Amino acid sequence: MPEKILIVDDEYSARAPLQMLLRREGFEVTNASDGRSALAECAAFRPDLILLDIVMPGMDGFEVCQLIKATPEGRLTPIVLITGLSTTEDRIKGINVGADDFLSKPIDFNELLARTRSLLRLKQITDELENAESVLFSLAHSIEARDPYTRGHCERLSEMSTRLGEELRALRRAGIVHDIGKVVVPDAILLKPGPLTEEETMVMRKHPVVGERICEPLRTFRPVLPIIRHHHERHDGSGYPDGLRGTEIPLTAGILQTADVYDALTTDRPYRAAIAPELALKLMEEEAARGWWNRDLLDAFRKMISSHNGHARVAGRAIAKVGK
């Protein structure tokens, strides 16, 4: 499929030549004569690149750029501002509203073509990364769907971990994909209502390492890898896969682990029924006293659970203290 380019300029004499030349290069091109029609074309045409004139009547290019970049669909779409303005202030304003590049009038077509192809290559790479993330999330959800007892677990865990860790991007992703390694665990083990045998336990304990291996090729998932690998470690060294102790366990892994344990206790599982939140927190306190969990994180988590307003701020401050 040819890449799609939207040209926005109030002067037909400026739009028409660009459109003709870009179509000759194999691009799919459409145009808009003002800001409002440009926003409509963005929604309908879904361009891969926008060439946007700054000086237009009504809504100028700065405002149009800012509005496009504020939408989920347009935030990653490259926008080249085309202008006869040359002051540093204008370029700074363009950068502040999200512009990716600038071209000065009169336009040199060879320069335009070079910049266009460069930005489209970056857009393609970004799209591939987003698609890879979408596939991983879909796989994680499909694994969760195999076990009716954990339905909604990933989303709940992602939400709680994100609140506790002040909306850390790595925690949000890890909350979804932390158990993706269970793709190698047979249903007979995953859904077994009774205790696991020693051999079955060994199979189950492989999933953090397998999950890390699945996500490792994605550069944007590098901060997520320690969370995936270490969310079953314990502070006394009795966890897996590496038997880490205390501060050897990454803080982000400890945050997700705290939410993970709480969610597991308060939802039905094949091997036991859910328990009340108060009992879950009491049991986690006992396990923390036994040396399993990070007590400071557990205290922060309890405050978040018990607080009706401002829970994220309370937890965030507590976690900040732990991290120091």
Protein backbone atom coordinates (compact mmCIF):
# COMPACT_ATOMS: atom_id res chain seq x y z
CA MET A 1 0.00 0.00 0.00
CA PRO A 2 1.38 3.46 -0.87
CA GLU A 3 1.98 5.86 2.01
CA LYS A 4 -0.70 8.51 2.41
CA ILE A 5 0.12 12.22 2.54
CA LEU A 6 -2.19 15.10 3.44
CA ILE A 7 -1.34 18.59 2.12
CA VAL A 8 -2.92 21.52 3.97
CA ASP A 9 -2.68 25.00 2.44
CA ASP A 10 -5.24 27.72 1.83
CA GLU A 11 -3.73 28.51 -1.60
CA TYR A 12 -4.64 26.15 -4.43
CA SER A 13 -1.57 27.25 -6.37
CA ALA A 14 0.58 25.86 -3.55
CA ARG A 15 -1.37 22.61 -3.01
CA ALA A 16 -1.79 21.49 -6.63
CA PRO A 17 1.90 21.28 -7.68
CA LEU A 18 2.88 19.43 -4.50
CA GLN A 19 0.03 16.99 -4.94
CA MET A 20 0.96 16.29 -8.57
CA LEU A 21 4.67 15.80 -7.82
CA LEU A 22 4.09 13.53 -4.81
CA ARG A 23 1.62 11.38 -6.75
CA ARG A 24 4.26 10.91 -9.44
CA GLU A 25 6.53 9.51 -6.71
CA GLY A 26 3.92 6.87 -5.90
CA PHE A 27 2.30 8.42 -2.82
CA GLU A 28 -1.44 8.54 -2.21
CA VAL A 29 -2.21 12.24 -1.74
CA THR A 30 -5.19 14.33 -0.72
CA ASN A 31 -5.47 17.98 0.32
CA ALA A 32 -7.36 20.42 2.51
CA SER A 33 -7.77 24.19 2.16
CA ASP A 34 -8.18 25.15 5.83
CA GLY A 35 -7.72 23.94 9.36
CA ARG A 36 -11.19 22.51 9.95
CA SER A 37 -11.23 20.50 6.74
CA ALA A 38 -7.71 19.30 7.59
CA LEU A 39 -8.98 17.85 10.89
CA ALA A 40 -11.84 16.13 9.05
CA GLU A 41 -9.44 14.68 6.45
CA CYS A 42 -7.19 13.37 9.21
CA ALA A 43 -10.07 11.39 10.68
CA ALA A 44 -11.26 10.05 7.30
CA PHE A 45 -8.02 9.70 5.31
CA ARG A 46 -5.68 8.63 8.18
CA PRO A 47 -2.51 10.08 6.61
CA ASP A 48 0.98 8.75 7.27
CA LEU A 49 2.42 12.27 6.89
CA ILE A 50 0.99 15.82 6.90
CA LEU A 51 2.47 18.82 5.08
CA LEU A 52 0.92 21.78 6.88
CA ASP A 53 1.10 25.46 5.98
CA ILE A 54 1.35 27.77 8.99
CA VAL A 55 -0.18 30.99 7.70
CA MET A 56 -3.86 30.32 6.98
CA PRO A 57 -7.01 32.33 7.69
CA GLY A 58 -8.97 31.28 10.76
CA MET A 59 -7.22 28.34 12.36
CA ASP A 60 -3.48 28.62 11.65
CA GLY A 61 -1.05 25.74 11.22
CA PHE A 62 0.18 25.89 14.82
CA GLU A 63 -3.31 25.30 16.17
CA VAL A 64 -4.07 22.56 13.65
CA CYS A 65 -0.82 20.78 14.52
CA GLN A 66 -1.54 20.95 18.24
CA LEU A 67 -5.07 19.58 17.79
CA ILE A 68 -3.89 16.67 15.62
CA LYS A 69 -1.10 15.73 18.00
CA ALA A 70 -3.55 15.77 20.91
CA THR A 71 -5.55 12.87 19.42
CA PRO A 72 -4.62 9.19 19.93
CA GLU A 73 -4.77 8.66 16.15
CA GLY A 74 -2.59 11.65 15.30
CA ARG A 75 -0.03 11.77 18.10
CA LEU A 76 2.52 9.69 16.12
CA THR A 77 1.72 11.11 12.67
CA PRO A 78 4.70 13.16 11.38
CA ILE A 79 3.80 16.79 10.65
CA VAL A 80 6.00 19.06 8.53
CA LEU A 81 5.25 22.76 8.98
CA ILE A 82 5.67 24.75 5.76
CA THR A 83 6.28 28.43 6.28
CA GLY A 84 7.72 31.64 4.97
CA LEU A 85 8.40 32.61 8.59
CA SER A 86 12.03 32.34 9.55
CA THR A 87 12.31 33.60 13.13
CA THR A 88 13.58 31.33 15.89
CA GLU A 89 10.44 32.06 17.92
CA ASP A 90 8.22 30.60 15.20
CA ARG A 91 10.24 27.40 15.03
CA ILE A 92 10.21 27.07 18.81
CA LYS A 93 6.44 27.52 18.76
CA GLY A 94 6.21 24.82 16.10
CA ILE A 95 8.26 22.41 18.20
CA ASN A 96 6.12 23.14 21.26
CA VAL A 97 2.91 22.23 19.40
CA GLY A 98 4.43 18.93 18.22
CA ALA A 99 5.84 19.60 14.73
CA ASP A 100 8.34 17.00 13.53
CA ASP A 101 10.09 19.07 10.85
CA PHE A 102 10.04 22.39 8.97
CA LEU A 103 10.27 23.45 5.32
CA SER A 104 10.75 27.01 4.18
CA LYS A 105 9.04 28.62 1.20
CA PRO A 106 9.77 28.52 -1.67
CA ILE A 107 9.90 24.73 -1.36
CA ASP A 108 12.77 22.80 -2.91
CA PHE A 109 11.10 19.58 -4.11
CA ASN A 110 14.23 17.44 -3.68
CA GLU A 111 14.52 18.55 -0.06
CA LEU A 112 10.80 17.94 0.48
CA LEU A 113 11.09 14.43 -0.95
CA ALA A 114 14.13 13.58 1.18
CA ARG A 115 12.48 14.78 4.39
CA THR A 116 9.21 13.06 3.48
CA ARG A 117 10.84 9.68 2.92
CA SER A 118 12.91 9.98 6.10
CA LEU A 119 9.87 10.75 8.25
CA LEU A 120 7.83 7.98 6.62
CA ARG A 121 10.57 5.45 7.42
CA LEU A 122 10.45 6.49 11.08
CA LYS A 123 6.65 6.27 11.02
CA GLN A 124 6.84 2.74 9.66
CA ILE A 125 9.21 1.67 12.45
CA THR A 126 6.91 3.25 15.06
CA ASP A 127 3.89 1.48 13.59
CA GLU A 128 5.71 -1.86 13.68
CA LEU A 129 6.57 -1.38 17.37
CA GLU A 130 2.97 -0.49 18.19
CA ASN A 131 1.73 -3.52 16.25
CA ALA A 132 4.17 -5.76 18.11
CA GLU A 133 2.91 -4.40 21.43
CA SER A 134 -0.67 -5.01 20.33
CA VAL A 135 0.14 -8.62 19.41
CA LEU A 136 1.81 -9.23 22.79
CA PHE A 137 -1.17 -7.76 24.64
CA SER A 138 -3.57 -9.91 22.61
CA LEU A 139 -1.50 -13.01 23.36
CA ALA A 140 -1.44 -12.16 27.06
CA HIS A 141 -5.22 -11.71 27.11
CA SER A 142 -5.74 -14.98 25.23
CA ILE A 143 -3.64 -16.82 27.82
CA GLU A 144 -5.68 -15.24 30.61
CA ALA A 145 -8.91 -16.27 28.84
CA ARG A 146 -7.90 -19.94 29.11
CA ASP A 147 -8.44 -19.74 32.85
CA PRO A 148 -11.92 -18.41 33.75
CA TYR A 149 -10.82 -17.89 37.34
CA THR A 150 -8.35 -15.17 36.37
CA ARG A 151 -10.59 -13.29 33.93
CA GLY A 152 -9.91 -9.58 34.38
CA HIS A 153 -6.80 -10.32 36.46
CA CYS A 154 -4.38 -8.68 34.00
CA GLU A 155 -6.41 -5.48 33.70
CA ARG A 156 -6.94 -5.23 37.47
CA LEU A 157 -3.30 -5.91 38.14
CA SER A 158 -2.20 -3.40 35.51
CA GLU A 159 -4.46 -0.73 37.02
CA MET A 160 -3.38 -1.36 40.63
CA SER A 161 0.32 -1.54 39.78
CA THR A 162 0.13 1.65 37.75
CA ARG A 163 -1.56 3.53 40.60
CA LEU A 164 0.96 2.23 43.12
CA GLY A 165 3.93 3.10 40.94
CA GLU A 166 2.76 6.58 39.90
CA GLU A 167 1.72 5.52 36.42
CA LEU A 168 5.07 4.03 35.46
CA ARG A 169 4.90 2.99 31.83
CA ALA A 170 6.90 -0.15 32.48
CA LEU A 171 4.49 -1.24 35.20
CA ARG A 172 1.49 -0.64 32.97
CA ARG A 173 2.99 -2.92 30.32
CA ALA A 174 4.22 -5.49 32.82
CA GLY A 175 0.78 -5.65 34.40
CA ILE A 176 -0.52 -6.93 31.07
CA VAL A 177 2.35 -9.21 29.95
CA HIS A 178 3.85 -10.43 33.25
CA ASP A 179 2.39 -13.92 32.80
CA ILE A 180 2.85 -14.18 29.03
CA GLY A 181 5.33 -17.02 29.62
CA LYS A 182 2.41 -19.22 30.70
CA VAL A 183 1.92 -19.87 27.00
CA VAL A 184 4.22 -22.89 27.58
CA VAL A 185 2.23 -24.18 30.58
CA PRO A 186 -0.26 -26.93 29.64
CA ASP A 187 -3.92 -26.44 30.63
CA ALA A 188 -3.72 -29.56 32.79
CA ILE A 189 -1.27 -27.70 35.03
CA LEU A 190 -2.64 -24.17 34.64
CA LEU A 191 -6.20 -25.20 35.55
CA LYS A 192 -5.43 -27.99 38.01
CA PRO A 193 -7.80 -27.70 41.03
CA GLY A 194 -5.44 -29.42 43.47
CA PRO A 195 -1.80 -29.00 44.51
CA LEU A 196 0.87 -29.27 41.82
CA THR A 197 3.38 -32.11 41.83
CA GLU A 198 7.07 -31.27 42.06
CA GLU A 199 7.43 -31.79 38.30
CA GLU A 200 4.37 -29.62 37.55
CA THR A 201 5.73 -26.90 39.83
CA MET A 202 8.99 -26.88 37.89
CA VAL A 203 7.04 -26.40 34.64
CA MET A 204 4.99 -23.55 36.14
CA ARG A 205 8.12 -21.85 37.46
CA LYS A 206 9.57 -21.57 33.97
CA HIS A 207 7.03 -18.92 32.91
CA PRO A 208 8.91 -15.79 34.13
CA VAL A 209 12.03 -16.73 32.14
CA VAL A 210 9.98 -17.68 29.07
CA GLY A 211 8.06 -14.39 29.33
CA GLU A 212 11.29 -12.43 29.49
CA ARG A 213 12.57 -14.27 26.41
CA ILE A 214 9.39 -13.51 24.45
CA CYS A 215 9.57 -9.77 25.17
CA GLU A 216 13.36 -9.40 24.98
CA PRO A 217 13.54 -8.57 21.22
CA LEU A 218 11.42 -5.43 21.75
CA ARG A 219 13.69 -2.53 22.64
CA THR A 220 10.82 -0.53 24.17
CA PHE A 221 10.15 -3.42 26.57
CA ARG A 222 13.62 -3.38 28.15
CA PRO A 223 12.40 -1.69 31.38
CA VAL A 224 9.67 -4.35 31.57
CA LEU A 225 11.99 -7.38 31.42
CA PRO A 226 13.17 -7.29 35.09
CA ILE A 227 9.54 -7.04 36.23
CA ILE A 228 8.51 -10.06 34.16
CA ARG A 229 11.47 -12.15 35.31
CA HIS A 230 11.41 -11.27 39.02
CA HIS A 231 7.75 -10.85 40.00
CA HIS A 232 7.86 -14.21 41.86
CA GLU A 233 10.99 -13.53 43.90
CA ARG A 234 10.72 -13.30 47.71
CA HIS A 235 12.68 -11.12 50.09
CA ASP A 236 14.05 -14.09 52.01
CA GLY A 237 15.45 -15.63 48.80
CA SER A 238 12.88 -18.45 48.60
CA GLY A 239 11.29 -17.15 45.38
CA TYR A 240 12.09 -17.92 41.76
CA PRO A 241 13.64 -18.01 39.17
CA ASP A 242 16.87 -16.52 40.62
CA GLY A 243 16.38 -16.65 44.39
CA LEU A 244 17.01 -12.90 44.77
CA ARG A 245 16.96 -11.39 48.26
CA GLY A 246 15.87 -8.02 49.64
CA THR A 247 17.11 -5.08 47.61
CA GLU A 248 18.37 -7.41 44.88
CA ILE A 249 14.74 -7.58 43.73
CA PRO A 250 13.93 -4.63 41.41
CA LEU A 251 11.57 -2.13 43.03
CA THR A 252 9.20 -2.26 40.04
CA ALA A 253 9.01 -6.06 40.32
CA GLY A 254 8.18 -5.68 44.02
CA ILE A 255 5.41 -3.19 43.23
CA LEU A 256 3.77 -5.50 40.69
CA GLN A 257 4.28 -8.49 42.96
CA THR A 258 2.39 -6.78 45.81
CA ALA A 259 -0.59 -6.08 43.59
CA ASP A 260 -0.34 -9.56 42.04
CA VAL A 261 -0.50 -11.36 45.40
CA TYR A 262 -3.43 -9.23 46.58
CA ASP A 263 -5.40 -9.83 43.40
CA ALA A 264 -4.70 -13.57 43.54
CA LEU A 265 -5.99 -13.76 47.12
CA THR A 266 -9.15 -11.74 46.48
CA THR A 267 -10.29 -13.60 43.33
CA ASP A 268 -11.46 -17.20 42.86
CA ARG A 269 -8.82 -19.63 41.67
CA PRO A 270 -9.14 -23.34 40.67
CA TYR A 271 -7.47 -24.42 43.93
CA ARG A 272 -9.33 -22.11 46.36
CA ALA A 273 -12.08 -19.50 46.73
CA ALA A 274 -11.46 -15.77 47.02
CA ILE A 275 -11.03 -14.23 50.45
CA ALA A 276 -12.15 -10.80 51.67
CA PRO A 277 -9.78 -7.84 51.11
CA GLU A 278 -9.24 -7.37 54.85
CA LEU A 279 -8.25 -11.01 55.28
CA ALA A 280 -6.00 -10.82 52.21
CA LEU A 281 -4.10 -7.86 53.66
CA LYS A 282 -3.82 -9.61 57.04
CA LEU A 283 -2.42 -12.73 55.36
CA MET A 284 0.05 -10.63 53.38
CA GLU A 285 1.15 -9.00 56.66
CA GLU A 286 1.84 -12.45 58.11
CA GLU A 287 3.80 -13.42 55.01
CA ALA A 288 5.78 -10.17 55.17
CA ALA A 289 6.67 -10.98 58.78
CA ARG A 290 7.85 -14.38 57.50
CA GLY A 291 10.20 -12.51 55.16
CA TRP A 292 8.40 -13.01 51.86
CA TRP A 293 7.33 -9.46 50.89
CA ASN A 294 8.68 -5.92 51.04
CA ARG A 295 6.98 -4.47 54.12
CA ASP A 296 7.35 -0.84 52.99
CA LEU A 297 5.64 -1.61 49.69
CA LEU A 298 2.92 -3.52 51.50
CA ASP A 299 2.30 -0.53 53.80
CA ALA A 300 2.02 1.78 50.78
CA PHE A 301 -0.32 -0.66 49.06
CA ARG A 302 -2.57 -0.92 52.14
CA LYS A 303 -2.86 2.88 52.27
CA MET A 304 -3.82 2.94 48.61
CA ILE A 305 -6.48 0.25 49.04
CA SER A 306 -8.00 1.84 52.13
CA SER A 307 -8.01 5.42 50.84
CA HIS A 308 -11.06 6.61 48.91
CA ASN A 309 -9.49 9.83 47.60
CA GLY A 310 -5.95 10.66 46.61
CA HIS A 311 -4.81 7.04 46.90
CA ALA A 312 -2.32 7.34 44.02
CA ARG A 313 -0.63 10.34 45.64
CA VAL A 314 -0.35 8.59 49.01
CA ALA A 315 1.10 5.45 47.46
CA GLY A 316 3.41 7.47 45.24
CA ARG A 317 4.91 9.32 48.19
CA ALA A 318 5.39 6.09 50.12
CA ILE A 319 7.05 4.40 47.16
CA ALA A 320 9.32 7.39 46.63
CA LYS A 321 10.59 6.90 50.17
CA VAL A 322 11.20 3.20 49.53
CA GLY A 323 13.20 3.99 46.39
CA LYS A 324 15.58 6.35 48.19
